[in-house]
Amino acid sequence: MAVYALQSVDNLERQLERMDPMRRMLNMDANNADVEAISSPSFLDIFKGMVTNVVETNEQVDRDAIDLMLGNIDDLATVQANITKANTAVDLLVSVKNEVISSYNSIINMQI
């Protein structure tokens, strides 16, 4: 499961790097005005962080499963908490991906 996730992460990162970043639009009345530099992270940085979080939480769940089978874990609450974290991270990533695709389709279908 983890190997497939890493392969899909690499594929996703290659696809995201090919996309052109959106540029900030100027106000209609701004004639030669300086635009403030945006210091916040880009959407790509945030999305990569979310993908990395999913991979890391799934790896932790895999390690917990192995430790549980070997009898190295006595605290099942920690294992359940890690499983819940992984599920939440995946659900959040899928929700964001679906909204991005929906927004992209809306923009593509706009008539000019």
PDB file of N, CA and C in Angstrom:
ATOM      1  N   MET A   1       0.830  -1.199   0.000  1.00  0.00           N
ATOM      2  CA  MET A   1       0.000   0.000   0.000  1.00  0.00           C
ATOM      3  C   MET A   1       0.867   1.252   0.000  1.00  0.00           C
ATOM      4  N   ALA A   2       1.939   1.247   0.809  1.00  0.00           N
ATOM      5  CA  ALA A   2       2.793   2.420   0.918  1.00  0.00           C
ATOM      6  C   ALA A   2       3.572   2.644  -0.380  1.00  0.00           C
ATOM      7  N   VAL A   3       3.989   1.565  -1.054  1.00  0.00           N
ATOM      8  CA  VAL A   3       4.733   1.709  -2.306  1.00  0.00           C
ATOM      9  C   VAL A   3       3.851   2.335  -3.373  1.00  0.00           C
ATOM     10  N   TYR A   4       2.597   1.878  -3.468  1.00  0.00           N
ATOM     11  CA  TYR A   4       1.663   2.454  -4.438  1.00  0.00           C
ATOM     12  C   TYR A   4       1.433   3.929  -4.126  1.00  0.00           C
ATOM     13  N   ALA A   5       1.309   4.266  -2.845  1.00  0.00           N
ATOM     14  CA  ALA A   5       1.077   5.663  -2.459  1.00  0.00           C
ATOM     15  C   ALA A   5       2.267   6.523  -2.854  1.00  0.00           C
ATOM     16  N   LEU A   6       3.500   6.014  -2.676  1.00  0.00           N
ATOM     17  CA  LEU A   6       4.671   6.800  -3.048  1.00  0.00           C
ATOM     18  C   LEU A   6       4.760   6.982  -4.551  1.00  0.00           C
ATOM     19  N   GLN A   7       4.404   5.951  -5.326  1.00  0.00           N
ATOM     20  CA  GLN A   7       4.421   6.084  -6.773  1.00  0.00           C
ATOM     21  C   GLN A   7       3.405   7.110  -7.233  1.00  0.00           C
ATOM     22  N   SER A   8       2.224   7.097  -6.632  1.00  0.00           N
ATOM     23  CA  SER A   8       1.204   8.066  -7.024  1.00  0.00           C
ATOM     24  C   SER A   8       1.583   9.475  -6.583  1.00  0.00           C
ATOM     25  N   VAL A   9       2.307   9.612  -5.460  1.00  0.00           N
ATOM     26  CA  VAL A   9       2.761  10.925  -5.008  1.00  0.00           C
ATOM     27  C   VAL A   9       3.768  11.484  -6.002  1.00  0.00           C
ATOM     28  N   ASP A  10       4.715  10.649  -6.462  1.00  0.00           N
ATOM     29  CA  ASP A  10       5.690  11.113  -7.447  1.00  0.00           C
ATOM     30  C   ASP A  10       4.996  11.530  -8.733  1.00  0.00           C
ATOM     31  N   ASN A  11       4.025  10.753  -9.185  1.00  0.00           N
ATOM     32  CA  ASN A  11       3.282  11.073 -10.396  1.00  0.00           C
ATOM     33  C   ASN A  11       2.516  12.382 -10.210  1.00  0.00           C
ATOM     34  N   LEU A  12       1.894  12.558  -9.055  1.00  0.00           N
ATOM     35  CA  LEU A  12       1.136  13.772  -8.762  1.00  0.00           C
ATOM     36  C   LEU A  12       2.046  14.990  -8.743  1.00  0.00           C
ATOM     37  N   GLU A  13       3.218  14.860  -8.134  1.00  0.00           N
ATOM     38  CA  GLU A  13       4.145  15.985  -8.080  1.00  0.00           C
ATOM     39  C   GLU A  13       4.621  16.374  -9.478  1.00  0.00           C
ATOM     40  N   ARG A  14       4.873  15.392 -10.351  1.00  0.00           N
ATOM     41  CA  ARG A  14       5.278  15.711 -11.723  1.00  0.00           C
ATOM     42  C   ARG A  14       4.170  16.456 -12.458  1.00  0.00           C
ATOM     43  N   GLN A  15       2.922  16.037 -12.247  1.00  0.00           N
ATOM     44  CA  GLN A  15       1.809  16.706 -12.906  1.00  0.00           C
ATOM     45  C   GLN A  15       1.622  18.114 -12.378  1.00  0.00           C
ATOM     46  N   LEU A  16       1.770  18.306 -11.060  1.00  0.00           N
ATOM     47  CA  LEU A  16       1.595  19.630 -10.479  1.00  0.00           C
ATOM     48  C   LEU A  16       2.699  20.586 -10.913  1.00  0.00           C
ATOM     49  N   GLU A  17       3.919  20.086 -11.112  1.00  0.00           N
ATOM     50  CA  GLU A  17       5.015  20.950 -11.525  1.00  0.00           C
ATOM     51  C   GLU A  17       4.841  21.437 -12.959  1.00  0.00           C
ATOM     52  N   ARG A  18       4.114  20.675 -13.788  1.00  0.00           N
ATOM     53  CA  ARG A  18       3.881  21.087 -15.169  1.00  0.00           C
ATOM     54  C   ARG A  18       2.840  22.194 -15.265  1.00  0.00           C
ATOM     55  N   MET A  19       2.037  22.383 -14.241  1.00  0.00           N
ATOM     56  CA  MET A  19       0.984  23.388 -14.283  1.00  0.00           C
ATOM     57  C   MET A  19       1.589  24.780 -14.104  1.00  0.00           C
ATOM     58  N   ASP A  20       1.069  25.741 -14.819  1.00  0.00           N
ATOM     59  CA  ASP A  20       1.506  27.120 -14.660  1.00  0.00           C
ATOM     60  C   ASP A  20       0.848  27.710 -13.422  1.00  0.00           C
ATOM     61  N   PRO A  21       1.619  28.440 -12.607  1.00  0.00           N
ATOM     62  CA  PRO A  21       0.999  29.058 -11.432  1.00  0.00           C
ATOM     63  C   PRO A  21       0.080  30.206 -11.844  1.00  0.00           C
ATOM     64  N   MET A  22      -0.950  30.414 -11.051  1.00  0.00           N
ATOM     65  CA  MET A  22      -1.846  31.534 -11.324  1.00  0.00           C
ATOM     66  C   MET A  22      -1.151  32.828 -10.918  1.00  0.00           C
ATOM     67  N   ARG A  23      -1.369  33.854 -11.673  1.00  0.00           N
ATOM     68  CA  ARG A  23      -0.754  35.135 -11.375  1.00  0.00           C
ATOM     69  C   ARG A  23      -1.797  36.076 -10.778  1.00  0.00           C
ATOM     70  N   ARG A  24      -1.317  36.931  -9.891  1.00  0.00           N
ATOM     71  CA  ARG A  24      -2.215  37.864  -9.229  1.00  0.00           C
ATOM     72  C   ARG A  24      -2.660  38.940 -10.215  1.00  0.00           C
ATOM     73  N   MET A  25      -3.954  39.215 -10.204  1.00  0.00           N
ATOM     74  CA  MET A  25      -4.495  40.223 -11.109  1.00  0.00           C
ATOM     75  C   MET A  25      -4.405  41.603 -10.465  1.00  0.00           C
ATOM     76  N   LEU A  26      -4.141  42.608 -11.278  1.00  0.00           N
ATOM     77  CA  LEU A  26      -4.111  43.985 -10.799  1.00  0.00           C
ATOM     78  C   LEU A  26      -5.530  44.539 -10.766  1.00  0.00           C
ATOM     79  N   ASN A  27      -5.737  45.529  -9.897  1.00  0.00           N
ATOM     80  CA  ASN A  27      -7.023  46.225  -9.890  1.00  0.00           C
ATOM     81  C   ASN A  27      -7.187  46.978 -11.202  1.00  0.00           C
ATOM     82  N   MET A  28      -8.426  47.178 -11.595  1.00  0.00           N
ATOM     83  CA  MET A  28      -8.694  47.847 -12.871  1.00  0.00           C
ATOM     84  C   MET A  28      -8.198  49.282 -12.892  1.00  0.00           C
ATOM     85  N   ASP A  29      -8.138  49.927 -11.726  1.00  0.00           N
ATOM     86  CA  ASP A  29      -7.723  51.322 -11.699  1.00  0.00           C
ATOM     87  C   ASP A  29      -6.245  51.481 -11.332  1.00  0.00           C
ATOM     88  N   ALA A  30      -5.527  50.388 -11.267  1.00  0.00           N
ATOM     89  CA  ALA A  30      -4.118  50.449 -10.887  1.00  0.00           C
ATOM     90  C   ALA A  30      -3.266  50.702 -12.131  1.00  0.00           C
ATOM     91  N   ASN A  31      -2.778  51.915 -12.242  1.00  0.00           N
ATOM     92  CA  ASN A  31      -1.894  52.268 -13.351  1.00  0.00           C
ATOM     93  C   ASN A  31      -0.470  52.328 -12.829  1.00  0.00           C
ATOM     94  N   ASN A  32       0.323  51.355 -13.250  1.00  0.00           N
ATOM     95  CA  ASN A  32       1.723  51.278 -12.860  1.00  0.00           C
ATOM     96  C   ASN A  32       1.916  51.281 -11.347  1.00  0.00           C
ATOM     97  N   ALA A  33       0.995  50.741 -10.616  1.00  0.00           N
ATOM     98  CA  ALA A  33       1.112  50.675  -9.160  1.00  0.00           C
ATOM     99  C   ALA A  33       1.900  49.429  -8.786  1.00  0.00           C
ATOM    100  N   ASP A  34       2.685  49.550  -7.705  1.00  0.00           N
ATOM    101  CA  ASP A  34       3.446  48.398  -7.231  1.00  0.00           C
ATOM    102  C   ASP A  34       2.505  47.418  -6.535  1.00  0.00           C
ATOM    103  N   VAL A  35       2.700  46.155  -6.838  1.00  0.00           N
ATOM    104  CA  VAL A  35       1.894  45.118  -6.215  1.00  0.00           C
ATOM    105  C   VAL A  35       2.721  44.517  -5.094  1.00  0.00           C
ATOM    106  N   GLU A  36       2.111  44.404  -3.919  1.00  0.00           N
ATOM    107  CA  GLU A  36       2.822  43.833  -2.781  1.00  0.00           C
ATOM    108  C   GLU A  36       3.211  42.397  -3.077  1.00  0.00           C
ATOM    109  N   ALA A  37       4.373  42.037  -2.588  1.00  0.00           N
ATOM    110  CA  ALA A  37       4.806  40.650  -2.736  1.00  0.00           C
ATOM    111  C   ALA A  37       3.994  39.779  -1.774  1.00  0.00           C
ATOM    112  N   ILE A  38       3.522  38.676  -2.290  1.00  0.00           N
ATOM    113  CA  ILE A  38       2.721  37.773  -1.467  1.00  0.00           C
ATOM    114  C   ILE A  38       3.675  36.849  -0.721  1.00  0.00           C
ATOM    115  N   SER A  39       3.623  36.885   0.594  1.00  0.00           N
ATOM    116  CA  SER A  39       4.550  36.088   1.391  1.00  0.00           C
ATOM    117  C   SER A  39       3.920  34.783   1.855  1.00  0.00           C
ATOM    118  N   SER A  40       2.666  34.562   1.543  1.00  0.00           N
ATOM    119  CA  SER A  40       2.019  33.333   1.967  1.00  0.00           C
ATOM    120  C   SER A  40       2.427  32.194   1.036  1.00  0.00           C
ATOM    121  N   PRO A  41       2.379  30.956   1.525  1.00  0.00           N
ATOM    122  CA  PRO A  41       2.765  29.826   0.678  1.00  0.00           C
ATOM    123  C   PRO A  41       1.776  29.639  -0.473  1.00  0.00           C
ATOM    124  N   SER A  42       2.260  29.059  -1.542  1.00  0.00           N
ATOM    125  CA  SER A  42       1.404  28.826  -2.705  1.00  0.00           C
ATOM    126  C   SER A  42       0.519  27.614  -2.458  1.00  0.00           C
ATOM    127  N   PHE A  43      -0.486  27.466  -3.301  1.00  0.00           N
ATOM    128  CA  PHE A  43      -1.378  26.315  -3.184  1.00  0.00           C
ATOM    129  C   PHE A  43      -0.603  25.016  -3.401  1.00  0.00           C
ATOM    130  N   LEU A  44       0.361  25.048  -4.309  1.00  0.00           N
ATOM    131  CA  LEU A  44       1.169  23.863  -4.578  1.00  0.00           C
ATOM    132  C   LEU A  44       1.931  23.427  -3.336  1.00  0.00           C
ATOM    133  N   ASP A  45       2.487  24.394  -2.591  1.00  0.00           N
ATOM    134  CA  ASP A  45       3.198  24.063  -1.357  1.00  0.00           C
ATOM    135  C   ASP A  45       2.262  23.435  -0.330  1.00  0.00           C
ATOM    136  N   ILE A  46       1.081  23.990  -0.202  1.00  0.00           N
ATOM    137  CA  ILE A  46       0.110  23.465   0.751  1.00  0.00           C
ATOM    138  C   ILE A  46      -0.337  22.071   0.341  1.00  0.00           C
ATOM    139  N   PHE A  47      -0.596  21.878  -0.958  1.00  0.00           N
ATOM    140  CA  PHE A  47      -1.054  20.578  -1.439  1.00  0.00           C
ATOM    141  C   PHE A  47       0.036  19.520  -1.286  1.00  0.00           C
ATOM    142  N   LYS A  48       1.283  19.882  -1.576  1.00  0.00           N
ATOM    143  CA  LYS A  48       2.392  18.942  -1.372  1.00  0.00           C
ATOM    144  C   LYS A  48       2.515  18.571   0.106  1.00  0.00           C
ATOM    145  N   GLY A  49       2.315  19.548   0.987  1.00  0.00           N
ATOM    146  CA  GLY A  49       2.350  19.267   2.417  1.00  0.00           C
ATOM    147  C   GLY A  49       1.250  18.305   2.829  1.00  0.00           C
ATOM    148  N   MET A  50       0.071  18.465   2.228  1.00  0.00           N
ATOM    149  CA  MET A  50      -1.030  17.557   2.533  1.00  0.00           C
ATOM    150  C   MET A  50      -0.720  16.146   2.050  1.00  0.00           C
ATOM    151  N   VAL A  51      -0.137  16.024   0.862  1.00  0.00           N
ATOM    152  CA  VAL A  51       0.227  14.706   0.333  1.00  0.00           C
ATOM    153  C   VAL A  51       1.292  14.066   1.210  1.00  0.00           C
ATOM    154  N   THR A  52       2.276  14.852   1.610  1.00  0.00           N
ATOM    155  CA  THR A  52       3.326  14.341   2.490  1.00  0.00           C
ATOM    156  C   THR A  52       2.744  13.885   3.822  1.00  0.00           C
ATOM    157  N   ASN A  53       1.798  14.632   4.343  1.00  0.00           N
ATOM    158  CA  ASN A  53       1.143  14.260   5.595  1.00  0.00           C
ATOM    159  C   ASN A  53       0.410  12.934   5.459  1.00  0.00           C
ATOM    160  N   VAL A  54      -0.271  12.723   4.336  1.00  0.00           N
ATOM    161  CA  VAL A  54      -0.979  11.458   4.101  1.00  0.00           C
ATOM    162  C   VAL A  54       0.013  10.304   4.060  1.00  0.00           C
ATOM    163  N   VAL A  55       1.121  10.497   3.347  1.00  0.00           N
ATOM    164  CA  VAL A  55       2.123   9.431   3.237  1.00  0.00           C
ATOM    165  C   VAL A  55       2.707   9.110   4.604  1.00  0.00           C
ATOM    166  N   GLU A  56       3.045  10.145   5.383  1.00  0.00           N
ATOM    167  CA  GLU A  56       3.644   9.923   6.700  1.00  0.00           C
ATOM    168  C   GLU A  56       2.675   9.241   7.663  1.00  0.00           C
ATOM    169  N   THR A  57       1.423   9.651   7.668  1.00  0.00           N
ATOM    170  CA  THR A  57       0.459   9.030   8.576  1.00  0.00           C
ATOM    171  C   THR A  57       0.185   7.581   8.182  1.00  0.00           C
ATOM    172  N   ASN A  58       0.151   7.295   6.880  1.00  0.00           N
ATOM    173  CA  ASN A  58      -0.046   5.909   6.446  1.00  0.00           C
ATOM    174  C   ASN A  58       1.161   5.042   6.793  1.00  0.00           C
ATOM    175  N   GLU A  59       2.359   5.609   6.686  1.00  0.00           N
ATOM    176  CA  GLU A  59       3.552   4.860   7.090  1.00  0.00           C
ATOM    177  C   GLU A  59       3.523   4.555   8.583  1.00  0.00           C
ATOM    178  N   GLN A  60       3.058   5.521   9.390  1.00  0.00           N
ATOM    179  CA  GLN A  60       2.955   5.303  10.831  1.00  0.00           C
ATOM    180  C   GLN A  60       1.946   4.201  11.132  1.00  0.00           C
ATOM    181  N   VAL A  61       0.831   4.179  10.425  1.00  0.00           N
ATOM    182  CA  VAL A  61      -0.169   3.127  10.624  1.00  0.00           C
ATOM    183  C   VAL A  61       0.417   1.768  10.243  1.00  0.00           C
ATOM    184  N   ASP A  62       1.188   1.714   9.158  1.00  0.00           N
ATOM    185  CA  ASP A  62       1.831   0.459   8.762  1.00  0.00           C
ATOM    186  C   ASP A  62       2.814  -0.022   9.832  1.00  0.00           C
ATOM    187  N   ARG A  63       3.611   0.910  10.378  1.00  0.00           N
ATOM    188  CA  ARG A  63       4.545   0.544  11.453  1.00  0.00           C
ATOM    189  C   ARG A  63       3.798   0.066  12.691  1.00  0.00           C
ATOM    190  N   ASP A  64       2.691   0.760  13.010  1.00  0.00           N
ATOM    191  CA  ASP A  64       1.886   0.345  14.169  1.00  0.00           C
ATOM    192  C   ASP A  64       1.304  -1.047  13.973  1.00  0.00           C
ATOM    193  N   ALA A  65       0.866  -1.352  12.752  1.00  0.00           N
ATOM    194  CA  ALA A  65       0.294  -2.676  12.482  1.00  0.00           C
ATOM    195  C   ALA A  65       1.349  -3.765  12.666  1.00  0.00           C
ATOM    196  N   ILE A  66       2.555  -3.506  12.182  1.00  0.00           N
ATOM    197  CA  ILE A  66       3.629  -4.483  12.337  1.00  0.00           C
ATOM    198  C   ILE A  66       3.985  -4.654  13.808  1.00  0.00           C
ATOM    199  N   ASP A  67       4.114  -3.532  14.530  1.00  0.00           N
ATOM    200  CA  ASP A  67       4.422  -3.616  15.963  1.00  0.00           C
ATOM    201  C   ASP A  67       3.314  -4.318  16.732  1.00  0.00           C
ATOM    202  N   LEU A  68       2.071  -4.105  16.336  1.00  0.00           N
ATOM    203  CA  LEU A  68       0.955  -4.754  17.006  1.00  0.00           C
ATOM    204  C   LEU A  68       0.991  -6.261  16.779  1.00  0.00           C
ATOM    205  N   MET A  69       1.302  -6.667  15.553  1.00  0.00           N
ATOM    206  CA  MET A  69       1.389  -8.105  15.265  1.00  0.00           C
ATOM    207  C   MET A  69       2.551  -8.758  16.003  1.00  0.00           C
ATOM    208  N   LEU A  70       3.650  -8.011  16.182  1.00  0.00           N
ATOM    209  CA  LEU A  70       4.807  -8.549  16.894  1.00  0.00           C
ATOM    210  C   LEU A  70       4.639  -8.476  18.405  1.00  0.00           C
ATOM    211  N   GLY A  71       3.628  -7.784  18.874  1.00  0.00           N
ATOM    212  CA  GLY A  71       3.383  -7.660  20.301  1.00  0.00           C
ATOM    213  C   GLY A  71       4.207  -6.579  20.973  1.00  0.00           C
ATOM    214  N   ASN A  72       4.710  -5.628  20.202  1.00  0.00           N
ATOM    215  CA  ASN A  72       5.538  -4.546  20.750  1.00  0.00           C
ATOM    216  C   ASN A  72       4.722  -3.357  21.244  1.00  0.00           C
ATOM    217  N   ILE A  73       3.419  -3.355  21.004  1.00  0.00           N
ATOM    218  CA  ILE A  73       2.560  -2.238  21.417  1.00  0.00           C
ATOM    219  C   ILE A  73       1.561  -2.733  22.449  1.00  0.00           C
ATOM    220  N   ASP A  74       1.507  -2.025  23.558  1.00  0.00           N
ATOM    221  CA  ASP A  74       0.541  -2.356  24.601  1.00  0.00           C
ATOM    222  C   ASP A  74      -0.635  -1.390  24.608  1.00  0.00           C
ATOM    223  N   ASP A  75      -0.452  -0.210  24.019  1.00  0.00           N
ATOM    224  CA  ASP A  75      -1.459   0.844  24.058  1.00  0.00           C
ATOM    225  C   ASP A  75      -2.241   0.872  22.746  1.00  0.00           C
ATOM    226  N   LEU A  76      -3.426   0.283  22.746  1.00  0.00           N
ATOM    227  CA  LEU A  76      -4.244   0.253  21.533  1.00  0.00           C
ATOM    228  C   LEU A  76      -4.870   1.614  21.219  1.00  0.00           C
ATOM    229  N   ALA A  77      -4.981   2.461  22.225  1.00  0.00           N
ATOM    230  CA  ALA A  77      -5.553   3.787  21.999  1.00  0.00           C
ATOM    231  C   ALA A  77      -4.670   4.612  21.067  1.00  0.00           C
ATOM    232  N   THR A  78      -3.353   4.471  21.193  1.00  0.00           N
ATOM    233  CA  THR A  78      -2.427   5.187  20.312  1.00  0.00           C
ATOM    234  C   THR A  78      -2.553   4.687  18.879  1.00  0.00           C
ATOM    235  N   VAL A  79      -2.685   3.369  18.721  1.00  0.00           N
ATOM    236  CA  VAL A  79      -2.854   2.797  17.386  1.00  0.00           C
ATOM    237  C   VAL A  79      -4.143   3.309  16.757  1.00  0.00           C
ATOM    238  N   GLN A  80      -5.218   3.317  17.533  1.00  0.00           N
ATOM    239  CA  GLN A  80      -6.499   3.803  17.008  1.00  0.00           C
ATOM    240  C   GLN A  80      -6.431   5.288  16.667  1.00  0.00           C
ATOM    241  N   ALA A  81      -5.720   6.064  17.492  1.00  0.00           N
ATOM    242  CA  ALA A  81      -5.568   7.494  17.209  1.00  0.00           C
ATOM    243  C   ALA A  81      -4.793   7.710  15.915  1.00  0.00           C
ATOM    244  N   ASN A  82      -3.752   6.913  15.693  1.00  0.00           N
ATOM    245  CA  ASN A  82      -2.972   7.039  14.451  1.00  0.00           C
ATOM    246  C   ASN A  82      -3.796   6.638  13.235  1.00  0.00           C
ATOM    247  N   ILE A  83      -4.633   5.618  13.370  1.00  0.00           N
ATOM    248  CA  ILE A  83      -5.516   5.211  12.274  1.00  0.00           C
ATOM    249  C   ILE A  83      -6.504   6.325  11.953  1.00  0.00           C
ATOM    250  N   THR A  84      -7.050   6.942  12.990  1.00  0.00           N
ATOM    251  CA  THR A  84      -7.997   8.048  12.795  1.00  0.00           C
ATOM    252  C   THR A  84      -7.320   9.241  12.129  1.00  0.00           C
ATOM    253  N   LYS A  85      -6.076   9.549  12.541  1.00  0.00           N
ATOM    254  CA  LYS A  85      -5.323  10.636  11.903  1.00  0.00           C
ATOM    255  C   LYS A  85      -5.115  10.362  10.422  1.00  0.00           C
ATOM    256  N   ALA A  86      -4.754   9.123  10.104  1.00  0.00           N
ATOM    257  CA  ALA A  86      -4.520   8.766   8.697  1.00  0.00           C
ATOM    258  C   ALA A  86      -5.802   8.881   7.885  1.00  0.00           C
ATOM    259  N   ASN A  87      -6.909   8.397   8.436  1.00  0.00           N
ATOM    260  CA  ASN A  87      -8.193   8.494   7.728  1.00  0.00           C
ATOM    261  C   ASN A  87      -8.606   9.945   7.510  1.00  0.00           C
ATOM    262  N   THR A  88      -8.409  10.772   8.524  1.00  0.00           N
ATOM    263  CA  THR A  88      -8.759  12.187   8.412  1.00  0.00           C
ATOM    264  C   THR A  88      -7.888  12.889   7.377  1.00  0.00           C
ATOM    265  N   ALA A  89      -6.592  12.570   7.364  1.00  0.00           N
ATOM    266  CA  ALA A  89      -5.688  13.180   6.387  1.00  0.00           C
ATOM    267  C   ALA A  89      -6.083  12.799   4.961  1.00  0.00           C
ATOM    268  N   VAL A  90      -6.436  11.536   4.751  1.00  0.00           N
ATOM    269  CA  VAL A  90      -6.851  11.088   3.420  1.00  0.00           C
ATOM    270  C   VAL A  90      -8.167  11.757   3.019  1.00  0.00           C
ATOM    271  N   ASP A  91      -9.120  11.814   3.951  1.00  0.00           N
ATOM    272  CA  ASP A  91     -10.407  12.449   3.652  1.00  0.00           C
ATOM    273  C   ASP A  91     -10.227  13.922   3.291  1.00  0.00           C
ATOM    274  N   LEU A  92      -9.362  14.627   4.012  1.00  0.00           N
ATOM    275  CA  LEU A  92      -9.113  16.038   3.728  1.00  0.00           C
ATOM    276  C   LEU A  92      -8.463  16.209   2.359  1.00  0.00           C
ATOM    277  N   LEU A  93      -7.483  15.375   2.054  1.00  0.00           N
ATOM    278  CA  LEU A  93      -6.811  15.459   0.763  1.00  0.00           C
ATOM    279  C   LEU A  93      -7.781  15.192  -0.386  1.00  0.00           C
ATOM    280  N   VAL A  94      -8.629  14.193  -0.238  1.00  0.00           N
ATOM    281  CA  VAL A  94      -9.600  13.867  -1.285  1.00  0.00           C
ATOM    282  C   VAL A  94     -10.605  15.006  -1.451  1.00  0.00           C
ATOM    283  N   SER A  95     -11.043  15.602  -0.342  1.00  0.00           N
ATOM    284  CA  SER A  95     -11.993  16.717  -0.422  1.00  0.00           C
ATOM    285  C   SER A  95     -11.387  17.914  -1.140  1.00  0.00           C
ATOM    286  N   VAL A  96     -10.145  18.243  -0.800  1.00  0.00           N
ATOM    287  CA  VAL A  96      -9.485  19.374  -1.456  1.00  0.00           C
ATOM    288  C   VAL A  96      -9.296  19.084  -2.943  1.00  0.00           C
ATOM    289  N   LYS A  97      -8.871  17.860  -3.266  1.00  0.00           N
ATOM    290  CA  LYS A  97      -8.689  17.471  -4.674  1.00  0.00           C
ATOM    291  C   LYS A  97      -9.993  17.591  -5.439  1.00  0.00           C
ATOM    292  N   ASN A  98     -11.089  17.119  -4.848  1.00  0.00           N
ATOM    293  CA  ASN A  98     -12.387  17.195  -5.525  1.00  0.00           C
ATOM    294  C   ASN A  98     -12.818  18.644  -5.750  1.00  0.00           C
ATOM    295  N   GLU A  99     -12.591  19.508  -4.776  1.00  0.00           N
ATOM    296  CA  GLU A  99     -12.954  20.916  -4.937  1.00  0.00           C
ATOM    297  C   GLU A  99     -12.098  21.593  -6.002  1.00  0.00           C
ATOM    298  N   VAL A 100     -10.814  21.244  -6.057  1.00  0.00           N
ATOM    299  CA  VAL A 100      -9.936  21.824  -7.072  1.00  0.00           C
ATOM    300  C   VAL A 100     -10.391  21.397  -8.459  1.00  0.00           C
ATOM    301  N   ILE A 101     -10.710  20.128  -8.621  1.00  0.00           N
ATOM    302  CA  ILE A 101     -11.170  19.636  -9.920  1.00  0.00           C
ATOM    303  C   ILE A 101     -12.496  20.283 -10.298  1.00  0.00           C
ATOM    304  N   SER A 102     -13.389  20.439  -9.328  1.00  0.00           N
ATOM    305  CA  SER A 102     -14.667  21.088  -9.598  1.00  0.00           C
ATOM    306  C   SER A 102     -14.466  22.547 -10.018  1.00  0.00           C
ATOM    307  N   SER A 103     -13.572  23.241  -9.332  1.00  0.00           N
ATOM    308  CA  SER A 103     -13.288  24.635  -9.685  1.00  0.00           C
ATOM    309  C   SER A 103     -12.655  24.734 -11.061  1.00  0.00           C
ATOM    310  N   TYR A 104     -11.731  23.835 -11.347  1.00  0.00           N
ATOM    311  CA  TYR A 104     -11.081  23.821 -12.655  1.00  0.00           C
ATOM    312  C   TYR A 104     -12.115  23.598 -13.754  1.00  0.00           C
ATOM    313  N   ASN A 105     -13.011  22.635 -13.553  1.00  0.00           N
ATOM    314  CA  ASN A 105     -14.046  22.368 -14.554  1.00  0.00           C
ATOM    315  C   ASN A 105     -14.974  23.563 -14.731  1.00  0.00           C
ATOM    316  N   SER A 106     -15.278  24.262 -13.650  1.00  0.00           N
ATOM    317  CA  SER A 106     -16.126  25.461 -13.751  1.00  0.00           C
ATOM    318  C   SER A 106     -15.444  26.549 -14.562  1.00  0.00           C
ATOM    319  N   ILE A 107     -14.146  26.713 -14.341  1.00  0.00           N
ATOM    320  CA  ILE A 107     -13.403  27.738 -15.077  1.00  0.00           C
ATOM    321  C   ILE A 107     -13.305  27.369 -16.550  1.00  0.00           C
ATOM    322  N   ILE A 108     -13.058  26.111 -16.823  1.00  0.00           N
ATOM    323  CA  ILE A 108     -12.941  25.653 -18.215  1.00  0.00           C
ATOM    324  C   ILE A 108     -14.265  25.841 -18.949  1.00  0.00           C
ATOM    325  N   ASN A 109     -15.377  25.626 -18.274  1.00  0.00           N
ATOM    326  CA  ASN A 109     -16.692  25.702 -18.917  1.00  0.00           C
ATOM    327  C   ASN A 109     -17.238  27.124 -19.017  1.00  0.00           C
ATOM    328  N   MET A 110     -16.520  28.109 -18.494  1.00  0.00           N
ATOM    329  CA  MET A 110     -16.975  29.491 -18.590  1.00  0.00           C
ATOM    330  C   MET A 110     -16.917  29.959 -20.040  1.00  0.00           C
ATOM    331  N   GLN A 111     -17.926  30.711 -20.414  1.00  0.00           N
ATOM    332  CA  GLN A 111     -17.938  31.265 -21.764  1.00  0.00           C
ATOM    333  C   GLN A 111     -17.325  32.650 -21.723  1.00  0.00           C
ATOM    334  N   ILE A 112     -16.543  32.917 -22.721  1.00  0.00           N
ATOM    335  CA  ILE A 112     -15.847  34.218 -22.769  1.00  0.00           C
ATOM    336  C   ILE A 112     -16.594  35.150 -23.692  1.00  0.00           C
TER     337      ILE A 112
END
